[in-house]
Amino acid sequence: MTQDNNSHNQWTLQWSSLSKYRSELMGLAMLFILLFHVGGRHNETLAYCFSRCGNVGVDIFLFLSGIGLWFAWSKGTSLKQFYWRRYIRVYPAWLIIACLYFIPLYINGKMDLAETCMNITYYHGFWTVYNELHFWYIPAIMTLYTVAPAYMTLLNRSRSWCWLPVVFMLFCIAMRYDPTLWTSLRHIEIFISRIPVFLIGINVGQWVKERREESRDAWVMVALLLALSAYVCLLFEGGLRGRFPLFLERMAYIPLSISISLLACRMFEYFPLIARRCLAFIGTVSLEFYLIHVEFVMKQLKPLSLGYWLTALLTLLITLPIAWLMHKGIELGVKKLRS
């Protein structure tokens, strides 16, 4: 009887695993994003699927960020401490990369001084120019950090507010088909359509903190969500690219990212320790990796026409040590600042 109970407990869905394997999940998400940015061609079927659907890594990041924010908020820290810890993790790395990227554009006469300063400070171009997406995740996550305490305060007041992600899903539909909204907001659609998964992450944060468990039957639902959302994405990417509003696929990314995260946590339990440590290492420096890998590494490799997989591998191997050095340097600087 005891053995049966242990077997049953072994297969329960444990929401706390999203916290236990947070670093590994972030590493996996960063690899997805890397494969997306390399960009395969239609005649490279497997590479093309990886490159297109790898975009879901962004949604995994946002989902995990929401969970992490709920943990931080529920500790009762002051608003000042909350913002300090969030911004000090992102902003120094952003300032370094923004200076390295935008100052040469100014020197070469491609950008005036005012625009350069605004881009370095808060990436003005993303908020005002359509398709200015080089580092869009940074202003997006900083904005979400800024408004998250208001949402979490509402949740503490009443869990009825947990339906707000659905409101934003409906807003995405309205934004795409209302001419006034679309004209005003189309340049930040990539950000607005990711708000729901971030808010869902905050919602799930309570379950993770409470170490909530579901019966093993819940895995059936996880499998269904994974299969159907992946199928929808493959339908979109298999021949409909350019013929559907992009927000539709990002709505499919929501169940895809959550089901991948839960299933990956389950699989991590059987991974060799070295594999988990490698993923966790990538996850630890994922912010710096994201900022460096495209503009400073991948764009230098692509003219060499090395092929999809070799370009991805070299980008990974070159970016990782640079990201680690940058991460450690900022960490040391922040410690000195606090002392």
C-alpha atoms as a PDB file:
ATOM      1  CA  MET A   1       0.000   0.000   0.000  1.00  0.00           C
ATOM      2  CA  THR A   2       2.847   2.368   0.901  1.00  0.00           C
ATOM      3  CA  GLN A   3       4.594   1.587  -2.361  1.00  0.00           C
ATOM      4  CA  ASP A   4       1.414   2.384  -4.305  1.00  0.00           C
ATOM      5  CA  ASN A   5       1.088   5.717  -2.495  1.00  0.00           C
ATOM      6  CA  ASN A   6       4.707   6.603  -3.250  1.00  0.00           C
ATOM      7  CA  SER A   7       4.185   5.701  -6.907  1.00  0.00           C
ATOM      8  CA  HIS A   8       1.067   7.858  -7.020  1.00  0.00           C
ATOM      9  CA  ASN A   9       2.842  10.809  -5.371  1.00  0.00           C
ATOM     10  CA  GLN A  10       5.744  10.443  -7.778  1.00  0.00           C
ATOM     11  CA  TRP A  11       3.460  11.219 -10.697  1.00  0.00           C
ATOM     12  CA  THR A  12       1.532  14.107  -9.187  1.00  0.00           C
ATOM     13  CA  LEU A  13       1.882  17.454 -10.909  1.00  0.00           C
ATOM     14  CA  GLN A  14       3.877  19.629  -8.526  1.00  0.00           C
ATOM     15  CA  TRP A  15       3.702  23.349  -9.230  1.00  0.00           C
ATOM     16  CA  SER A  16       6.689  23.906  -6.924  1.00  0.00           C
ATOM     17  CA  SER A  17       8.908  22.270  -9.556  1.00  0.00           C
ATOM     18  CA  LEU A  18       8.646  25.541 -11.527  1.00  0.00           C
ATOM     19  CA  SER A  19      10.608  27.160  -8.707  1.00  0.00           C
ATOM     20  CA  LYS A  20      12.931  24.204  -8.111  1.00  0.00           C
ATOM     21  CA  TYR A  21      14.054  24.149 -11.737  1.00  0.00           C
ATOM     22  CA  ARG A  22      13.706  27.850 -12.485  1.00  0.00           C
ATOM     23  CA  SER A  23      17.312  28.320 -13.639  1.00  0.00           C
ATOM     24  CA  GLU A  24      17.185  25.225 -15.844  1.00  0.00           C
ATOM     25  CA  LEU A  25      13.942  26.427 -17.430  1.00  0.00           C
ATOM     26  CA  MET A  26      15.440  29.839 -18.133  1.00  0.00           C
ATOM     27  CA  GLY A  27      18.427  28.147 -19.745  1.00  0.00           C
ATOM     28  CA  LEU A  28      16.111  26.050 -21.907  1.00  0.00           C
ATOM     29  CA  ALA A  29      14.111  29.156 -22.865  1.00  0.00           C
ATOM     30  CA  MET A  30      17.327  30.953 -23.849  1.00  0.00           C
ATOM     31  CA  LEU A  31      18.286  28.062 -26.119  1.00  0.00           C
ATOM     32  CA  PHE A  32      14.848  28.258 -27.756  1.00  0.00           C
ATOM     33  CA  ILE A  33      15.376  31.985 -28.369  1.00  0.00           C
ATOM     34  CA  LEU A  34      18.846  31.348 -29.768  1.00  0.00           C
ATOM     35  CA  LEU A  35      17.454  28.815 -32.265  1.00  0.00           C
ATOM     36  CA  PHE A  36      14.707  31.274 -33.201  1.00  0.00           C
ATOM     37  CA  HIS A  37      17.161  34.074 -33.894  1.00  0.00           C
ATOM     38  CA  VAL A  38      19.450  31.925 -36.062  1.00  0.00           C
ATOM     39  CA  GLY A  39      16.513  31.513 -38.434  1.00  0.00           C
ATOM     40  CA  GLY A  40      16.173  28.400 -40.599  1.00  0.00           C
ATOM     41  CA  ARG A  41      14.915  28.210 -44.180  1.00  0.00           C
ATOM     42  CA  HIS A  42      11.813  26.446 -45.477  1.00  0.00           C
ATOM     43  CA  ASN A  43      13.901  23.797 -47.221  1.00  0.00           C
ATOM     44  CA  GLU A  44      15.516  22.931 -43.876  1.00  0.00           C
ATOM     45  CA  THR A  45      12.345  21.526 -42.356  1.00  0.00           C
ATOM     46  CA  LEU A  46      13.593  20.653 -38.860  1.00  0.00           C
ATOM     47  CA  ALA A  47      15.718  23.792 -38.578  1.00  0.00           C
ATOM     48  CA  TYR A  48      12.825  25.929 -39.773  1.00  0.00           C
ATOM     49  CA  CYS A  49      10.433  24.495 -37.168  1.00  0.00           C
ATOM     50  CA  PHE A  50      12.981  25.056 -34.413  1.00  0.00           C
ATOM     51  CA  SER A  51      13.720  28.565 -35.590  1.00  0.00           C
ATOM     52  CA  ARG A  52      10.097  29.678 -35.803  1.00  0.00           C
ATOM     53  CA  CYS A  53       8.585  27.978 -32.761  1.00  0.00           C
ATOM     54  CA  GLY A  54      11.652  28.809 -30.654  1.00  0.00           C
ATOM     55  CA  ASN A  55      10.019  32.189 -30.141  1.00  0.00           C
ATOM     56  CA  VAL A  56       8.063  30.547 -27.319  1.00  0.00           C
ATOM     57  CA  GLY A  57      11.183  30.955 -25.176  1.00  0.00           C
ATOM     58  CA  VAL A  58      10.193  34.592 -24.604  1.00  0.00           C
ATOM     59  CA  ASP A  59       6.843  33.474 -23.189  1.00  0.00           C
ATOM     60  CA  ILE A  60       8.554  30.967 -20.888  1.00  0.00           C
ATOM     61  CA  PHE A  61      10.759  33.791 -19.589  1.00  0.00           C
ATOM     62  CA  LEU A  62       7.751  36.021 -18.933  1.00  0.00           C
ATOM     63  CA  PHE A  63       5.795  33.196 -17.282  1.00  0.00           C
ATOM     64  CA  LEU A  64       8.711  32.448 -14.928  1.00  0.00           C
ATOM     65  CA  SER A  65       9.254  36.168 -14.275  1.00  0.00           C
ATOM     66  CA  GLY A  66       5.653  36.500 -13.148  1.00  0.00           C
ATOM     67  CA  ILE A  67       6.077  33.588 -10.737  1.00  0.00           C
ATOM     68  CA  GLY A  68       9.275  35.092  -9.346  1.00  0.00           C
ATOM     69  CA  LEU A  69       7.653  38.477  -8.808  1.00  0.00           C
ATOM     70  CA  TRP A  70       4.843  36.923  -6.768  1.00  0.00           C
ATOM     71  CA  PHE A  71       7.426  35.229  -4.521  1.00  0.00           C
ATOM     72  CA  ALA A  72       9.267  38.522  -4.016  1.00  0.00           C
ATOM     73  CA  TRP A  73       6.076  40.510  -3.396  1.00  0.00           C
ATOM     74  CA  SER A  74       4.601  38.014  -0.946  1.00  0.00           C
ATOM     75  CA  LYS A  75       7.655  38.347   1.307  1.00  0.00           C
ATOM     76  CA  GLY A  76       6.343  41.753   2.332  1.00  0.00           C
ATOM     77  CA  THR A  77       9.289  43.761   1.018  1.00  0.00           C
ATOM     78  CA  SER A  78       8.814  47.485   0.590  1.00  0.00           C
ATOM     79  CA  LEU A  79       8.004  48.914  -2.824  1.00  0.00           C
ATOM     80  CA  LYS A  80      11.418  50.604  -2.877  1.00  0.00           C
ATOM     81  CA  GLN A  81      13.229  47.310  -2.219  1.00  0.00           C
ATOM     82  CA  PHE A  82      11.069  45.506  -4.775  1.00  0.00           C
ATOM     83  CA  TYR A  83      11.904  47.945  -7.549  1.00  0.00           C
ATOM     84  CA  TRP A  84      15.576  48.177  -6.578  1.00  0.00           C
ATOM     85  CA  ARG A  85      16.092  44.405  -6.814  1.00  0.00           C
ATOM     86  CA  ARG A  86      14.305  44.175 -10.147  1.00  0.00           C
ATOM     87  CA  TYR A  87      15.955  47.159 -11.807  1.00  0.00           C
ATOM     88  CA  ILE A  88      19.471  46.512 -10.498  1.00  0.00           C
ATOM     89  CA  ARG A  89      19.369  43.092 -12.156  1.00  0.00           C
ATOM     90  CA  VAL A  90      18.395  44.442 -15.590  1.00  0.00           C
ATOM     91  CA  TYR A  91      19.387  48.079 -15.960  1.00  0.00           C
ATOM     92  CA  PRO A  92      23.203  47.950 -15.542  1.00  0.00           C
ATOM     93  CA  ALA A  93      23.489  45.228 -18.196  1.00  0.00           C
ATOM     94  CA  TRP A  94      21.169  47.207 -20.447  1.00  0.00           C
ATOM     95  CA  LEU A  95      23.191  50.425 -20.072  1.00  0.00           C
ATOM     96  CA  ILE A  96      26.432  48.670 -21.023  1.00  0.00           C
ATOM     97  CA  ILE A  97      24.979  47.026 -24.134  1.00  0.00           C
ATOM     98  CA  ALA A  98      22.946  50.095 -25.109  1.00  0.00           C
ATOM     99  CA  CYS A  99      26.068  52.261 -25.037  1.00  0.00           C
ATOM    100  CA  LEU A 100      28.016  49.718 -27.102  1.00  0.00           C
ATOM    101  CA  TYR A 101      25.209  49.534 -29.651  1.00  0.00           C
ATOM    102  CA  PHE A 102      23.859  53.089 -29.943  1.00  0.00           C
ATOM    103  CA  ILE A 103      26.983  55.230 -29.485  1.00  0.00           C
ATOM    104  CA  PRO A 104      28.633  53.854 -32.671  1.00  0.00           C
ATOM    105  CA  LEU A 105      25.426  54.680 -34.552  1.00  0.00           C
ATOM    106  CA  TYR A 106      25.714  58.256 -33.292  1.00  0.00           C
ATOM    107  CA  ILE A 107      29.415  58.459 -34.205  1.00  0.00           C
ATOM    108  CA  ASN A 108      28.625  57.214 -37.720  1.00  0.00           C
ATOM    109  CA  GLY A 109      25.912  59.861 -38.138  1.00  0.00           C
ATOM    110  CA  LYS A 110      23.011  57.406 -38.178  1.00  0.00           C
ATOM    111  CA  MET A 111      21.403  58.869 -35.058  1.00  0.00           C
ATOM    112  CA  ASP A 112      21.350  62.322 -33.484  1.00  0.00           C
ATOM    113  CA  LEU A 113      22.478  63.006 -29.916  1.00  0.00           C
ATOM    114  CA  ALA A 114      18.968  63.348 -28.420  1.00  0.00           C
ATOM    115  CA  GLU A 115      17.770  60.096 -29.983  1.00  0.00           C
ATOM    116  CA  THR A 116      20.940  58.326 -28.857  1.00  0.00           C
ATOM    117  CA  CYS A 117      20.459  59.446 -25.250  1.00  0.00           C
ATOM    118  CA  MET A 118      16.776  58.460 -25.245  1.00  0.00           C
ATOM    119  CA  ASN A 119      17.551  55.043 -26.717  1.00  0.00           C
ATOM    120  CA  ILE A 120      20.276  54.388 -24.172  1.00  0.00           C
ATOM    121  CA  THR A 121      18.043  55.506 -21.317  1.00  0.00           C
ATOM    122  CA  TYR A 122      14.808  53.658 -22.121  1.00  0.00           C
ATOM    123  CA  TYR A 123      15.027  52.432 -25.734  1.00  0.00           C
ATOM    124  CA  HIS A 124      12.917  55.226 -27.158  1.00  0.00           C
ATOM    125  CA  GLY A 125      12.904  53.618 -30.603  1.00  0.00           C
ATOM    126  CA  PHE A 126      10.931  50.578 -29.467  1.00  0.00           C
ATOM    127  CA  TRP A 127       8.125  52.704 -28.053  1.00  0.00           C
ATOM    128  CA  THR A 128       7.855  54.960 -31.098  1.00  0.00           C
ATOM    129  CA  VAL A 129       9.114  53.180 -34.236  1.00  0.00           C
ATOM    130  CA  TYR A 130       7.471  50.188 -35.916  1.00  0.00           C
ATOM    131  CA  ASN A 131       9.714  47.111 -36.160  1.00  0.00           C
ATOM    132  CA  GLU A 132      12.458  48.526 -33.909  1.00  0.00           C
ATOM    133  CA  LEU A 133      12.936  45.236 -32.067  1.00  0.00           C
ATOM    134  CA  HIS A 134      16.676  44.726 -31.499  1.00  0.00           C
ATOM    135  CA  PHE A 135      16.370  44.595 -27.691  1.00  0.00           C
ATOM    136  CA  TRP A 136      12.597  44.891 -27.248  1.00  0.00           C
ATOM    137  CA  TYR A 137      12.447  42.478 -24.305  1.00  0.00           C
ATOM    138  CA  ILE A 138      14.328  44.888 -22.014  1.00  0.00           C
ATOM    139  CA  PRO A 139      11.909  47.862 -22.106  1.00  0.00           C
ATOM    140  CA  ALA A 140       9.043  45.364 -22.072  1.00  0.00           C
ATOM    141  CA  ILE A 141      10.146  43.533 -18.920  1.00  0.00           C
ATOM    142  CA  MET A 142      11.066  46.805 -17.181  1.00  0.00           C
ATOM    143  CA  THR A 143       7.562  48.100 -17.865  1.00  0.00           C
ATOM    144  CA  LEU A 144       6.009  44.878 -16.581  1.00  0.00           C
ATOM    145  CA  TYR A 145       8.149  45.095 -13.428  1.00  0.00           C
ATOM    146  CA  THR A 146       6.870  48.634 -12.922  1.00  0.00           C
ATOM    147  CA  VAL A 147       3.154  47.784 -13.129  1.00  0.00           C
ATOM    148  CA  ALA A 148       3.312  44.328 -11.488  1.00  0.00           C
ATOM    149  CA  PRO A 149       2.932  45.592  -7.877  1.00  0.00           C
ATOM    150  CA  ALA A 150      -0.404  47.204  -8.798  1.00  0.00           C
ATOM    151  CA  TYR A 151      -1.706  43.897 -10.181  1.00  0.00           C
ATOM    152  CA  MET A 152      -0.406  41.905  -7.202  1.00  0.00           C
ATOM    153  CA  THR A 153      -2.039  44.377  -4.817  1.00  0.00           C
ATOM    154  CA  LEU A 154      -5.343  43.809  -6.593  1.00  0.00           C
ATOM    155  CA  LEU A 155      -4.860  40.030  -6.327  1.00  0.00           C
ATOM    156  CA  ASN A 156      -4.239  40.310  -2.595  1.00  0.00           C
ATOM    157  CA  ARG A 157      -7.471  42.269  -2.333  1.00  0.00           C
ATOM    158  CA  SER A 158      -9.493  39.784  -4.375  1.00  0.00           C
ATOM    159  CA  ARG A 159      -8.580  36.727  -6.467  1.00  0.00           C
ATOM    160  CA  SER A 160     -11.305  37.795  -8.904  1.00  0.00           C
ATOM    161  CA  TRP A 161      -8.603  39.934 -10.533  1.00  0.00           C
ATOM    162  CA  CYS A 162      -6.888  36.741 -11.735  1.00  0.00           C
ATOM    163  CA  TRP A 163      -9.138  36.983 -14.822  1.00  0.00           C
ATOM    164  CA  LEU A 164      -7.291  40.091 -15.985  1.00  0.00           C
ATOM    165  CA  PRO A 165      -5.097  38.045 -18.394  1.00  0.00           C
ATOM    166  CA  VAL A 166      -8.279  37.100 -20.282  1.00  0.00           C
ATOM    167  CA  VAL A 167      -9.147  40.800 -20.530  1.00  0.00           C
ATOM    168  CA  PHE A 168      -5.788  41.430 -22.187  1.00  0.00           C
ATOM    169  CA  MET A 169      -6.355  38.532 -24.587  1.00  0.00           C
ATOM    170  CA  LEU A 170      -9.589  40.180 -25.683  1.00  0.00           C
ATOM    171  CA  PHE A 171      -7.811  43.514 -25.914  1.00  0.00           C
ATOM    172  CA  CYS A 172      -5.296  41.949 -28.335  1.00  0.00           C
ATOM    173  CA  ILE A 173      -8.197  41.017 -30.629  1.00  0.00           C
ATOM    174  CA  ALA A 174      -9.705  44.493 -30.323  1.00  0.00           C
ATOM    175  CA  MET A 175      -6.327  46.120 -30.950  1.00  0.00           C
ATOM    176  CA  ARG A 176      -5.758  44.151 -34.154  1.00  0.00           C
ATOM    177  CA  TYR A 177      -9.155  44.832 -35.701  1.00  0.00           C
ATOM    178  CA  ASP A 178      -9.989  48.298 -34.381  1.00  0.00           C
ATOM    179  CA  PRO A 179      -8.348  50.729 -36.866  1.00  0.00           C
ATOM    180  CA  THR A 180      -7.662  53.434 -34.281  1.00  0.00           C
ATOM    181  CA  LEU A 181      -6.081  51.054 -31.775  1.00  0.00           C
ATOM    182  CA  TRP A 182      -4.066  49.303 -34.470  1.00  0.00           C
ATOM    183  CA  THR A 183      -2.675  52.545 -35.864  1.00  0.00           C
ATOM    184  CA  SER A 184      -1.700  53.707 -32.377  1.00  0.00           C
ATOM    185  CA  LEU A 185      -0.323  50.451 -30.939  1.00  0.00           C
ATOM    186  CA  ARG A 186       0.814  48.187 -33.771  1.00  0.00           C
ATOM    187  CA  HIS A 187       4.500  48.990 -33.157  1.00  0.00           C
ATOM    188  CA  ILE A 188       4.311  47.505 -29.623  1.00  0.00           C
ATOM    189  CA  GLU A 189       1.963  44.612 -30.448  1.00  0.00           C
ATOM    190  CA  ILE A 190       4.813  42.195 -29.731  1.00  0.00           C
ATOM    191  CA  PHE A 191       4.793  43.492 -26.133  1.00  0.00           C
ATOM    192  CA  ILE A 192       1.045  43.814 -25.546  1.00  0.00           C
ATOM    193  CA  SER A 193       0.349  40.276 -26.785  1.00  0.00           C
ATOM    194  CA  ARG A 194       2.842  38.946 -24.180  1.00  0.00           C
ATOM    195  CA  ILE A 195       1.152  40.634 -21.193  1.00  0.00           C
ATOM    196  CA  PRO A 196      -1.331  37.759 -20.595  1.00  0.00           C
ATOM    197  CA  VAL A 197       1.330  35.072 -20.062  1.00  0.00           C
ATOM    198  CA  PHE A 198       3.196  37.355 -17.641  1.00  0.00           C
ATOM    199  CA  LEU A 199       0.047  37.962 -15.585  1.00  0.00           C
ATOM    200  CA  ILE A 200      -0.741  34.233 -15.635  1.00  0.00           C
ATOM    201  CA  GLY A 201       2.724  33.648 -14.201  1.00  0.00           C
ATOM    202  CA  ILE A 202       1.873  35.964 -11.308  1.00  0.00           C
ATOM    203  CA  ASN A 203      -1.385  34.057 -10.800  1.00  0.00           C
ATOM    204  CA  VAL A 204       0.428  30.715 -10.749  1.00  0.00           C
ATOM    205  CA  GLY A 205       2.995  32.108  -8.301  1.00  0.00           C
ATOM    206  CA  GLN A 206       0.585  31.504  -5.436  1.00  0.00           C
ATOM    207  CA  TRP A 207       0.233  27.819  -6.372  1.00  0.00           C
ATOM    208  CA  VAL A 208       4.001  27.469  -6.614  1.00  0.00           C
ATOM    209  CA  LYS A 209       4.531  29.086  -3.220  1.00  0.00           C
ATOM    210  CA  GLU A 210       1.858  26.912  -1.609  1.00  0.00           C
ATOM    211  CA  ARG A 211       3.496  23.832  -3.184  1.00  0.00           C
ATOM    212  CA  ARG A 212       0.167  22.915  -4.672  1.00  0.00           C
ATOM    213  CA  GLU A 213      -0.135  19.434  -6.177  1.00  0.00           C
ATOM    214  CA  GLU A 214      -2.537  18.050  -8.750  1.00  0.00           C
ATOM    215  CA  SER A 215      -3.441  14.417  -9.256  1.00  0.00           C
ATOM    216  CA  ARG A 216      -1.517  12.556 -11.917  1.00  0.00           C
ATOM    217  CA  ASP A 217      -4.552  12.906 -14.177  1.00  0.00           C
ATOM    218  CA  ALA A 218      -3.493  16.556 -14.609  1.00  0.00           C
ATOM    219  CA  TRP A 219      -0.693  15.326 -16.853  1.00  0.00           C
ATOM    220  CA  VAL A 220      -3.330  14.310 -19.376  1.00  0.00           C
ATOM    221  CA  MET A 221      -4.402  17.941 -19.612  1.00  0.00           C
ATOM    222  CA  VAL A 222      -0.770  19.092 -19.857  1.00  0.00           C
ATOM    223  CA  ALA A 223      -0.233  16.663 -22.730  1.00  0.00           C
ATOM    224  CA  LEU A 224      -3.387  17.852 -24.489  1.00  0.00           C
ATOM    225  CA  LEU A 225      -2.380  21.508 -24.128  1.00  0.00           C
ATOM    226  CA  LEU A 226       1.110  20.771 -25.404  1.00  0.00           C
ATOM    227  CA  ALA A 227      -0.063  18.720 -28.370  1.00  0.00           C
ATOM    228  CA  LEU A 228      -2.817  21.072 -29.503  1.00  0.00           C
ATOM    229  CA  SER A 229      -0.869  24.320 -29.030  1.00  0.00           C
ATOM    230  CA  ALA A 230       2.162  22.840 -30.825  1.00  0.00           C
ATOM    231  CA  TYR A 231      -0.098  21.663 -33.652  1.00  0.00           C
ATOM    232  CA  VAL A 232      -1.627  25.144 -33.982  1.00  0.00           C
ATOM    233  CA  CYS A 233       1.859  26.694 -34.170  1.00  0.00           C
ATOM    234  CA  LEU A 234       2.939  24.179 -36.802  1.00  0.00           C
ATOM    235  CA  LEU A 235      -0.175  24.963 -38.833  1.00  0.00           C
ATOM    236  CA  PHE A 236       0.669  28.649 -38.701  1.00  0.00           C
ATOM    237  CA  GLU A 237       4.339  28.167 -39.558  1.00  0.00           C
ATOM    238  CA  GLY A 238       3.831  25.370 -42.068  1.00  0.00           C
ATOM    239  CA  GLY A 239       2.401  27.558 -44.805  1.00  0.00           C
ATOM    240  CA  LEU A 240       0.374  30.387 -43.319  1.00  0.00           C
ATOM    241  CA  ARG A 241       3.253  32.692 -42.412  1.00  0.00           C
ATOM    242  CA  GLY A 242       2.274  36.244 -43.303  1.00  0.00           C
ATOM    243  CA  ARG A 243      -1.396  35.313 -43.709  1.00  0.00           C
ATOM    244  CA  PHE A 244      -2.520  35.568 -40.074  1.00  0.00           C
ATOM    245  CA  PRO A 245      -2.233  38.229 -37.340  1.00  0.00           C
ATOM    246  CA  LEU A 246       0.828  37.434 -35.253  1.00  0.00           C
ATOM    247  CA  PHE A 247      -1.050  37.812 -31.974  1.00  0.00           C
ATOM    248  CA  LEU A 248      -2.974  34.606 -32.776  1.00  0.00           C
ATOM    249  CA  GLU A 249       0.158  32.512 -32.594  1.00  0.00           C
ATOM    250  CA  ARG A 250       1.211  34.300 -29.428  1.00  0.00           C
ATOM    251  CA  MET A 251      -2.079  33.285 -27.847  1.00  0.00           C
ATOM    252  CA  ALA A 252      -1.158  29.690 -28.717  1.00  0.00           C
ATOM    253  CA  TYR A 253       2.244  30.291 -27.102  1.00  0.00           C
ATOM    254  CA  ILE A 254       0.537  30.723 -23.714  1.00  0.00           C
ATOM    255  CA  PRO A 255      -0.557  27.080 -23.218  1.00  0.00           C
ATOM    256  CA  LEU A 256       2.540  25.940 -25.125  1.00  0.00           C
ATOM    257  CA  SER A 257       4.941  27.742 -22.789  1.00  0.00           C
ATOM    258  CA  ILE A 258       3.166  26.582 -19.616  1.00  0.00           C
ATOM    259  CA  SER A 259       2.893  22.942 -20.725  1.00  0.00           C
ATOM    260  CA  ILE A 260       6.531  22.896 -21.918  1.00  0.00           C
ATOM    261  CA  SER A 261       7.641  24.317 -18.561  1.00  0.00           C
ATOM    262  CA  LEU A 262       5.746  21.709 -16.547  1.00  0.00           C
ATOM    263  CA  LEU A 263       6.834  18.819 -18.749  1.00  0.00           C
ATOM    264  CA  ALA A 264      10.457  20.017 -18.792  1.00  0.00           C
ATOM    265  CA  CYS A 265      10.496  20.099 -14.971  1.00  0.00           C
ATOM    266  CA  ARG A 266       9.338  16.500 -14.979  1.00  0.00           C
ATOM    267  CA  MET A 267      12.043  15.537 -17.473  1.00  0.00           C
ATOM    268  CA  PHE A 268      14.758  17.373 -15.516  1.00  0.00           C
ATOM    269  CA  GLU A 269      14.325  14.824 -12.731  1.00  0.00           C
ATOM    270  CA  TYR A 270      15.819  12.212 -15.067  1.00  0.00           C
ATOM    271  CA  PHE A 271      18.493  14.432 -16.651  1.00  0.00           C
ATOM    272  CA  PRO A 272      22.145  13.838 -15.751  1.00  0.00           C
ATOM    273  CA  LEU A 273      23.368  16.352 -13.191  1.00  0.00           C
ATOM    274  CA  ILE A 274      25.862  17.832 -15.645  1.00  0.00           C
ATOM    275  CA  ALA A 275      23.081  18.555 -18.162  1.00  0.00           C
ATOM    276  CA  ARG A 276      20.988  20.328 -15.521  1.00  0.00           C
ATOM    277  CA  ARG A 277      23.998  22.354 -14.388  1.00  0.00           C
ATOM    278  CA  CYS A 278      24.730  23.436 -17.956  1.00  0.00           C
ATOM    279  CA  LEU A 279      21.140  24.596 -18.446  1.00  0.00           C
ATOM    280  CA  ALA A 280      21.165  26.333 -15.055  1.00  0.00           C
ATOM    281  CA  PHE A 281      24.402  28.122 -15.995  1.00  0.00           C
ATOM    282  CA  ILE A 282      22.841  29.401 -19.220  1.00  0.00           C
ATOM    283  CA  GLY A 283      19.772  30.457 -17.242  1.00  0.00           C
ATOM    284  CA  THR A 284      21.882  32.371 -14.731  1.00  0.00           C
ATOM    285  CA  VAL A 285      23.461  34.517 -17.469  1.00  0.00           C
ATOM    286  CA  SER A 286      20.395  34.534 -19.735  1.00  0.00           C
ATOM    287  CA  LEU A 287      19.891  38.305 -19.526  1.00  0.00           C
ATOM    288  CA  GLU A 288      23.443  39.048 -20.613  1.00  0.00           C
ATOM    289  CA  PHE A 289      23.280  36.271 -23.210  1.00  0.00           C
ATOM    290  CA  TYR A 290      20.119  37.768 -24.704  1.00  0.00           C
ATOM    291  CA  LEU A 291      21.694  41.217 -24.963  1.00  0.00           C
ATOM    292  CA  ILE A 292      24.912  39.995 -26.580  1.00  0.00           C
ATOM    293  CA  HIS A 293      24.167  37.029 -28.814  1.00  0.00           C
ATOM    294  CA  VAL A 294      22.417  38.583 -31.839  1.00  0.00           C
ATOM    295  CA  GLU A 295      23.953  42.000 -32.463  1.00  0.00           C
ATOM    296  CA  PHE A 296      27.495  41.259 -31.281  1.00  0.00           C
ATOM    297  CA  VAL A 297      28.010  37.584 -32.195  1.00  0.00           C
ATOM    298  CA  MET A 298      25.442  36.073 -34.543  1.00  0.00           C
ATOM    299  CA  LYS A 299      25.496  38.941 -37.035  1.00  0.00           C
ATOM    300  CA  GLN A 300      29.249  38.466 -37.373  1.00  0.00           C
ATOM    301  CA  LEU A 301      28.851  34.727 -38.035  1.00  0.00           C
ATOM    302  CA  LYS A 302      25.952  34.758 -40.494  1.00  0.00           C
ATOM    303  CA  PRO A 303      27.935  36.210 -43.454  1.00  0.00           C
ATOM    304  CA  LEU A 304      30.182  33.121 -43.192  1.00  0.00           C
ATOM    305  CA  SER A 305      27.234  30.907 -44.300  1.00  0.00           C
ATOM    306  CA  LEU A 306      28.113  28.131 -41.862  1.00  0.00           C
ATOM    307  CA  GLY A 307      24.622  26.629 -41.827  1.00  0.00           C
ATOM    308  CA  TYR A 308      21.904  26.680 -39.194  1.00  0.00           C
ATOM    309  CA  TRP A 309      23.258  24.286 -36.557  1.00  0.00           C
ATOM    310  CA  LEU A 310      26.920  25.342 -36.705  1.00  0.00           C
ATOM    311  CA  THR A 311      25.946  29.013 -36.495  1.00  0.00           C
ATOM    312  CA  ALA A 312      23.789  28.244 -33.452  1.00  0.00           C
ATOM    313  CA  LEU A 313      26.544  26.227 -31.778  1.00  0.00           C
ATOM    314  CA  LEU A 314      29.253  28.832 -32.363  1.00  0.00           C
ATOM    315  CA  THR A 315      26.964  31.632 -31.187  1.00  0.00           C
ATOM    316  CA  LEU A 316      26.352  29.669 -27.990  1.00  0.00           C
ATOM    317  CA  LEU A 317      30.041  28.907 -27.373  1.00  0.00           C
ATOM    318  CA  ILE A 318      31.220  32.459 -28.092  1.00  0.00           C
ATOM    319  CA  THR A 319      28.456  34.281 -26.219  1.00  0.00           C
ATOM    320  CA  LEU A 320      28.469  32.232 -23.009  1.00  0.00           C
ATOM    321  CA  PRO A 321      31.916  33.262 -21.654  1.00  0.00           C
ATOM    322  CA  ILE A 322      31.313  36.911 -22.577  1.00  0.00           C
ATOM    323  CA  ALA A 323      27.907  36.821 -20.863  1.00  0.00           C
ATOM    324  CA  TRP A 324      29.429  35.201 -17.771  1.00  0.00           C
ATOM    325  CA  LEU A 325      32.184  37.826 -17.515  1.00  0.00           C
ATOM    326  CA  MET A 326      29.643  40.603 -17.905  1.00  0.00           C
ATOM    327  CA  HIS A 327      27.353  38.996 -15.301  1.00  0.00           C
ATOM    328  CA  LYS A 328      30.173  38.634 -12.780  1.00  0.00           C
ATOM    329  CA  GLY A 329      31.461  42.150 -13.407  1.00  0.00           C
ATOM    330  CA  ILE A 330      28.035  43.678 -12.805  1.00  0.00           C
ATOM    331  CA  GLU A 331      27.532  41.477  -9.739  1.00  0.00           C
ATOM    332  CA  LEU A 332      30.822  42.705  -8.285  1.00  0.00           C
ATOM    333  CA  GLY A 333      29.938  46.324  -9.072  1.00  0.00           C
ATOM    334  CA  VAL A 334      26.553  46.035  -7.391  1.00  0.00           C
ATOM    335  CA  LYS A 335      28.143  44.503  -4.265  1.00  0.00           C
ATOM    336  CA  LYS A 336      30.569  47.425  -4.036  1.00  0.00           C
ATOM    337  CA  LEU A 337      27.712  49.855  -4.522  1.00  0.00           C
ATOM    338  CA  ARG A 338      25.779  48.293  -1.633  1.00  0.00           C
ATOM    339  CA  SER A 339      28.777  48.166   0.741  1.00  0.00           C
END
